[in-house]
Amino acid sequence: MNHEPIDPRIYDLYDEYCHGPMTRREFLDRAAAVAVVGGAGLAMAQALLPAYAQAQTISFTDKRIKARYVDYDSPGGTSGKMRGYLVLPVGDGPFPAVIVIHENRGLNPHIEDVARRAAVEGFLALAPDGLAPVGGYPGNDDDGKAMQASLDKQKLFTDLLNGAKWLKAHKLCNGKLGATGFCYGGGVVNALAVALGPDLNAGAPFYGAAPKGEDVARIKASLLIHYAEDDPRINGMRPGYEAALKANGVAYEMHTYPGTRHGFHNNSTPRYDAAQAQLAWERTVAFFKQNLG
């Protein structure tokens, strides 16, 4: 997607809006009050809102994949039941499996598209919807964000953890499991590496919160960790995380992508950096193929 330049202050407001209780109306009102050079703050703010239809890269009717929604049990989660978007490569299998974890607003169309991208590369992909127990992704990110914030965090994580276990046990899985996720989902990937231990073979979190240092010893998966260059909150956790990974002998790579902001892989908004997102995704696919067979 091509966009006009956006004032950094509007980007900062958008990050605050995405990660906190700020409403869309408040975001737009505050952006409109920002004096910017070469444009209007309101127009820049509106441009940052996701455009999912234009951002689709793999159609749900693509002949290389088969996609459907699936339901599965989730003991200890929000309701005991869960739903996800399962995408299979065409073929008999078995396939290496990858769970794709959404951001802080439920299973939106962008994350479904990422699951299809993974399936095109030969992976059995599951994108769980953490909002499924309370009605599912509501069709817009504002309501999705509010719904996800209302959930018990540990029960939500349990629902996603159960999705990973369900996927690994799937009859078309070759027994190897990888995980990737973005923002909130990146933090979940790190947490899954802790919780699953040797049952997770590879994790590729994108700009996600690090686990507690004392929990890193439980990680047995290989990790490919992606960072945006301009992302103070997440990057502030990096030194301690890296020290703990080294101290516990965890196999890992860390990459910082120049000129990027938090969310650079999401091609539905102007935070997207096409070249760096492509590089990060190519690295992720190669990493999973190496570690999952």
Protein backbone atom coordinates (compact mmCIF):
# COMPACT_ATOMS: atom_id res chain seq x y z
CA MET A 1 0.00 0.00 0.00
CA ASN A 2 1.33 3.45 -0.90
CA HIS A 3 0.72 6.40 1.42
CA GLU A 4 1.72 10.00 1.86
CA PRO A 5 4.21 10.76 4.66
CA ILE A 6 2.69 10.88 8.15
CA ASP A 7 3.86 13.10 10.98
CA PRO A 8 5.65 11.09 13.72
CA ARG A 9 3.34 12.60 16.33
CA ILE A 10 0.36 11.08 14.57
CA TYR A 11 2.13 7.72 14.53
CA ASP A 12 2.71 8.05 18.27
CA LEU A 13 -0.97 8.82 18.82
CA TYR A 14 -1.89 5.80 16.74
CA ASP A 15 0.35 3.56 18.83
CA GLU A 16 -1.31 4.92 21.96
CA TYR A 17 -4.72 4.29 20.42
CA CYS A 18 -3.81 0.73 19.40
CA HIS A 19 -2.36 -0.30 22.74
CA GLY A 20 -4.56 1.52 25.22
CA PRO A 21 -8.17 2.42 26.01
CA MET A 22 -8.28 5.43 23.66
CA THR A 23 -11.33 5.31 21.40
CA ARG A 24 -11.27 5.91 17.66
CA ARG A 25 -13.17 9.17 18.16
CA GLU A 26 -10.63 10.39 20.70
CA PHE A 27 -7.75 9.37 18.42
CA LEU A 28 -9.18 11.31 15.50
CA ASP A 29 -10.02 14.33 17.64
CA ARG A 30 -6.54 14.50 19.15
CA ALA A 31 -4.92 14.02 15.75
CA ALA A 32 -7.03 16.83 14.30
CA ALA A 33 -5.64 19.14 16.96
CA VAL A 34 -2.02 18.48 15.94
CA ALA A 35 -0.52 21.19 13.75
CA VAL A 36 1.36 19.42 10.96
CA VAL A 37 3.40 20.53 7.99
CA GLY A 38 2.25 19.47 4.54
CA GLY A 39 -1.13 18.09 5.51
CA ALA A 40 -3.87 17.75 8.08
CA GLY A 41 -3.52 15.72 11.26
CA LEU A 42 -7.02 14.30 10.86
CA ALA A 43 -6.34 13.09 7.32
CA MET A 44 -3.10 11.47 8.46
CA ALA A 45 -4.92 9.75 11.33
CA GLN A 46 -7.64 8.46 9.02
CA ALA A 47 -4.99 7.10 6.67
CA LEU A 48 -3.54 5.03 9.51
CA LEU A 49 -6.77 3.12 10.11
CA PRO A 50 -6.56 -0.38 8.61
CA ALA A 51 -7.82 -1.07 5.08
CA TYR A 52 -8.15 -4.84 5.14
CA ALA A 53 -9.79 -5.41 1.77
CA GLN A 54 -6.99 -3.66 -0.11
CA ALA A 55 -4.33 -5.45 1.96
CA GLN A 56 -5.33 -9.04 1.14
CA THR A 57 -2.46 -10.90 -0.52
CA ILE A 58 -3.82 -14.47 -0.69
CA SER A 59 -7.47 -15.01 -1.58
CA PHE A 60 -9.49 -17.44 0.53
CA THR A 61 -10.35 -19.14 -2.78
CA ASP A 62 -6.70 -19.60 -3.78
CA LYS A 63 -6.30 -23.04 -5.38
CA ARG A 64 -3.13 -23.78 -3.39
CA ILE A 65 -4.96 -23.92 -0.05
CA LYS A 66 -8.14 -25.05 1.67
CA ALA A 67 -9.46 -22.81 4.45
CA ARG A 68 -12.24 -23.31 6.98
CA TYR A 69 -13.25 -22.41 10.50
CA VAL A 70 -12.90 -25.08 13.15
CA ASP A 71 -14.15 -25.46 16.73
CA TYR A 72 -12.25 -27.20 19.49
CA ASP A 73 -12.38 -27.71 23.24
CA SER A 74 -10.43 -25.32 25.43
CA PRO A 75 -10.46 -26.46 29.07
CA GLY A 76 -9.53 -23.70 31.48
CA GLY A 77 -10.17 -20.95 28.94
CA THR A 78 -12.81 -18.25 28.81
CA SER A 79 -15.72 -20.60 28.06
CA GLY A 80 -14.24 -24.05 27.48
CA LYS A 81 -14.76 -23.74 23.72
CA MET A 82 -12.70 -22.09 21.01
CA ARG A 83 -12.78 -21.36 17.30
CA GLY A 84 -10.04 -20.73 14.78
CA TYR A 85 -9.25 -20.34 11.11
CA LEU A 86 -7.55 -23.48 9.78
CA VAL A 87 -5.75 -23.31 6.44
CA LEU A 88 -4.37 -26.45 4.79
CA PRO A 89 -1.95 -26.65 1.89
CA VAL A 90 -3.25 -28.69 -1.01
CA GLY A 91 -1.87 -32.21 -0.76
CA ASP A 92 -2.04 -35.29 1.40
CA GLY A 93 0.31 -34.20 4.19
CA PRO A 94 1.42 -34.56 6.84
CA PHE A 95 2.56 -30.94 7.08
CA PRO A 96 4.62 -28.95 9.56
CA ALA A 97 2.26 -26.76 11.59
CA VAL A 98 2.33 -23.06 12.43
CA ILE A 99 -0.02 -21.26 14.80
CA VAL A 100 -0.57 -17.59 13.96
CA ILE A 101 -1.47 -15.35 16.92
CA HIS A 102 -3.43 -12.15 16.40
CA GLU A 103 -2.87 -8.69 17.84
CA ASN A 104 -4.94 -7.21 20.67
CA ARG A 105 -8.24 -7.08 18.78
CA GLY A 106 -9.11 -10.64 17.80
CA LEU A 107 -8.88 -12.52 14.53
CA ASN A 108 -9.13 -9.75 11.98
CA PRO A 109 -8.82 -10.20 8.18
CA HIS A 110 -5.10 -9.36 8.18
CA ILE A 111 -4.24 -12.25 10.50
CA GLU A 112 -6.38 -14.61 8.43
CA ASP A 113 -4.37 -13.47 5.41
CA VAL A 114 -1.12 -14.25 7.24
CA ALA A 115 -2.42 -17.76 7.96
CA ARG A 116 -3.10 -18.21 4.25
CA ARG A 117 0.41 -16.97 3.46
CA ALA A 118 1.80 -19.65 5.78
CA ALA A 119 -0.30 -22.36 4.14
CA VAL A 120 0.87 -21.34 0.67
CA GLU A 121 4.40 -22.01 1.94
CA GLY A 122 3.43 -25.57 2.91
CA PHE A 123 2.45 -25.18 6.56
CA LEU A 124 -0.73 -26.37 8.25
CA ALA A 125 -1.79 -23.03 9.75
CA LEU A 126 -4.21 -22.21 12.54
CA ALA A 127 -5.17 -18.66 13.50
CA PRO A 128 -7.24 -18.87 16.71
CA ASP A 129 -9.75 -16.17 17.57
CA GLY A 130 -9.31 -15.30 21.23
CA LEU A 131 -12.67 -13.50 21.06
CA ALA A 132 -14.55 -16.64 19.94
CA PRO A 133 -15.85 -17.45 23.45
CA VAL A 134 -17.51 -14.01 23.63
CA GLY A 135 -18.92 -13.90 20.11
CA GLY A 136 -15.82 -13.70 17.92
CA TYR A 137 -14.09 -10.87 16.12
CA PRO A 138 -16.88 -8.27 15.72
CA GLY A 139 -15.92 -7.01 12.28
CA ASN A 140 -14.08 -3.90 13.42
CA ASP A 141 -10.92 -3.36 15.42
CA ASP A 142 -12.37 -0.81 17.85
CA ASP A 143 -14.94 -3.18 19.30
CA GLY A 144 -12.45 -6.04 19.02
CA LYS A 145 -9.91 -4.15 21.10
CA ALA A 146 -12.49 -3.41 23.79
CA MET A 147 -13.69 -7.01 23.82
CA GLN A 148 -10.17 -8.42 24.15
CA ALA A 149 -9.31 -5.96 26.94
CA SER A 150 -12.35 -7.17 28.88
CA LEU A 151 -11.19 -10.80 28.93
CA ASP A 152 -9.30 -12.49 31.74
CA LYS A 153 -5.72 -12.44 30.44
CA GLN A 154 -4.76 -15.87 31.73
CA LYS A 155 -7.90 -17.51 30.35
CA LEU A 156 -7.29 -15.84 27.00
CA PHE A 157 -3.75 -17.18 26.96
CA THR A 158 -5.05 -20.63 27.89
CA ASP A 159 -7.39 -20.53 24.89
CA LEU A 160 -4.46 -19.74 22.60
CA LEU A 161 -2.26 -22.37 24.27
CA ASN A 162 -4.99 -24.95 23.74
CA GLY A 163 -5.08 -23.95 20.09
CA ALA A 164 -1.38 -24.72 19.80
CA LYS A 165 -1.87 -28.11 21.44
CA TRP A 166 -4.86 -28.87 19.21
CA LEU A 167 -2.89 -27.99 16.09
CA LYS A 168 0.11 -30.12 17.03
CA ALA A 169 -2.19 -33.10 17.61
CA HIS A 170 -3.99 -32.62 14.28
CA LYS A 171 -3.94 -35.70 12.07
CA LEU A 172 -2.32 -33.72 9.23
CA CYS A 173 0.49 -32.32 11.40
CA ASN A 174 3.89 -33.95 11.07
CA GLY A 175 4.48 -33.54 14.80
CA LYS A 176 6.48 -30.31 14.49
CA LEU A 177 4.98 -27.03 15.69
CA GLY A 178 5.98 -23.43 15.07
CA ALA A 179 4.39 -20.20 16.26
CA THR A 180 4.36 -16.66 14.97
CA GLY A 181 2.44 -13.61 16.11
CA PHE A 182 2.37 -9.84 16.04
CA CYS A 183 2.34 -7.23 18.82
CA TYR A 184 0.21 -8.90 21.53
CA GLY A 185 0.57 -12.07 19.49
CA GLY A 186 4.35 -11.73 19.49
CA GLY A 187 4.28 -11.67 23.27
CA VAL A 188 2.07 -14.75 23.20
CA VAL A 189 4.61 -16.56 21.02
CA ASN A 190 7.28 -15.88 23.66
CA ALA A 191 4.87 -17.09 26.36
CA LEU A 192 4.02 -20.22 24.35
CA ALA A 193 7.73 -21.00 24.13
CA VAL A 194 7.84 -20.93 27.93
CA ALA A 195 4.61 -22.88 28.47
CA LEU A 196 5.14 -25.55 25.82
CA GLY A 197 8.84 -26.19 26.41
CA PRO A 198 9.97 -28.97 24.03
CA ASP A 199 6.50 -29.20 22.45
CA LEU A 200 7.20 -25.97 20.54
CA ASN A 201 9.93 -26.43 17.96
CA ALA A 202 10.25 -22.89 16.64
CA GLY A 203 8.93 -19.42 17.46
CA ALA A 204 9.06 -16.24 15.39
CA PRO A 205 7.59 -13.34 17.39
CA PHE A 206 7.17 -9.93 15.76
CA TYR A 207 7.69 -7.00 18.15
CA GLY A 208 6.26 -8.87 21.13
CA ALA A 209 6.74 -8.50 24.86
CA ALA A 210 9.49 -10.63 26.37
CA PRO A 211 8.75 -13.25 29.03
CA LYS A 212 10.02 -12.94 32.57
CA GLY A 213 13.75 -13.60 32.79
CA GLU A 214 13.30 -16.41 35.28
CA ASP A 215 10.98 -18.24 32.86
CA VAL A 216 13.39 -18.29 29.92
CA ALA A 217 15.07 -21.48 31.16
CA ARG A 218 11.90 -23.35 30.18
CA ILE A 219 12.25 -22.39 26.51
CA LYS A 220 13.45 -25.24 24.29
CA ALA A 221 12.30 -23.90 20.92
CA SER A 222 14.58 -22.12 18.49
CA LEU A 223 13.60 -18.45 18.23
CA LEU A 224 13.71 -15.90 15.43
CA ILE A 225 12.84 -12.57 17.07
CA HIS A 226 11.85 -9.55 14.98
CA TYR A 227 12.09 -5.95 16.22
CA ALA A 228 11.12 -2.60 14.73
CA GLU A 229 13.80 0.07 15.00
CA ASP A 230 11.45 2.68 16.50
CA ASP A 231 9.56 0.78 19.21
CA PRO A 232 10.71 1.95 22.66
CA ARG A 233 8.30 -0.10 24.78
CA ILE A 234 9.20 -3.47 23.24
CA ASN A 235 12.84 -2.69 22.55
CA GLY A 236 13.34 -1.76 26.18
CA MET A 237 12.79 -5.43 27.05
CA ARG A 238 15.33 -6.69 24.54
CA PRO A 239 18.61 -6.49 26.53
CA GLY A 240 17.28 -8.48 29.46
CA TYR A 241 15.63 -11.03 27.19
CA GLU A 242 18.79 -11.56 25.17
CA ALA A 243 20.88 -11.94 28.32
CA ALA A 244 18.49 -14.59 29.63
CA LEU A 245 18.46 -16.45 26.31
CA LYS A 246 22.25 -16.53 26.28
CA ALA A 247 22.48 -17.58 29.92
CA ASN A 248 20.13 -20.52 29.30
CA GLY A 249 21.63 -21.68 26.00
CA VAL A 250 18.50 -21.03 23.93
CA ALA A 251 19.07 -21.02 20.17
CA TYR A 252 17.97 -17.63 18.89
CA GLU A 253 18.43 -14.88 16.32
CA MET A 254 17.35 -11.28 16.77
CA HIS A 255 16.83 -8.85 13.91
CA THR A 256 16.08 -5.14 13.97
CA TYR A 257 14.58 -3.68 10.80
CA PRO A 258 15.92 -0.20 9.96
CA GLY A 259 13.48 2.64 9.51
CA THR A 260 10.51 0.69 10.86
CA ARG A 261 7.95 1.28 13.56
CA HIS A 262 5.92 -1.16 15.65
CA GLY A 263 3.49 -2.91 13.30
CA PHE A 264 5.69 -2.71 10.22
CA HIS A 265 4.62 -6.15 8.99
CA ASN A 266 0.92 -5.25 8.87
CA ASN A 267 0.24 -4.19 5.29
CA SER A 268 -3.21 -2.80 6.07
CA THR A 269 -1.86 0.48 7.50
CA PRO A 270 0.90 2.98 6.57
CA ARG A 271 3.13 1.61 9.33
CA TYR A 272 3.83 -1.14 6.80
CA ASP A 273 7.32 -1.21 5.35
CA ALA A 274 7.14 -3.40 2.26
CA ALA A 275 10.84 -4.17 1.90
CA GLN A 276 11.47 -4.89 5.57
CA ALA A 277 8.23 -6.85 5.98
CA GLN A 278 9.16 -9.02 3.00
CA LEU A 279 12.61 -9.64 4.45
CA ALA A 280 11.18 -10.54 7.85
CA TRP A 281 8.62 -12.90 6.33
CA GLU A 282 11.19 -14.58 4.07
CA ARG A 283 13.40 -15.14 7.10
CA THR A 284 10.44 -16.53 9.02
CA VAL A 285 9.45 -18.98 6.29
CA ALA A 286 13.06 -20.19 5.87
CA PHE A 287 13.41 -20.50 9.65
CA PHE A 288 10.27 -22.63 9.94
CA LYS A 289 11.25 -24.83 7.02
CA GLN A 290 14.63 -25.42 8.64
CA ASN A 291 13.23 -26.21 12.08
CA LEU A 292 9.92 -27.92 11.26
CA GLY A 293 10.89 -30.10 8.29
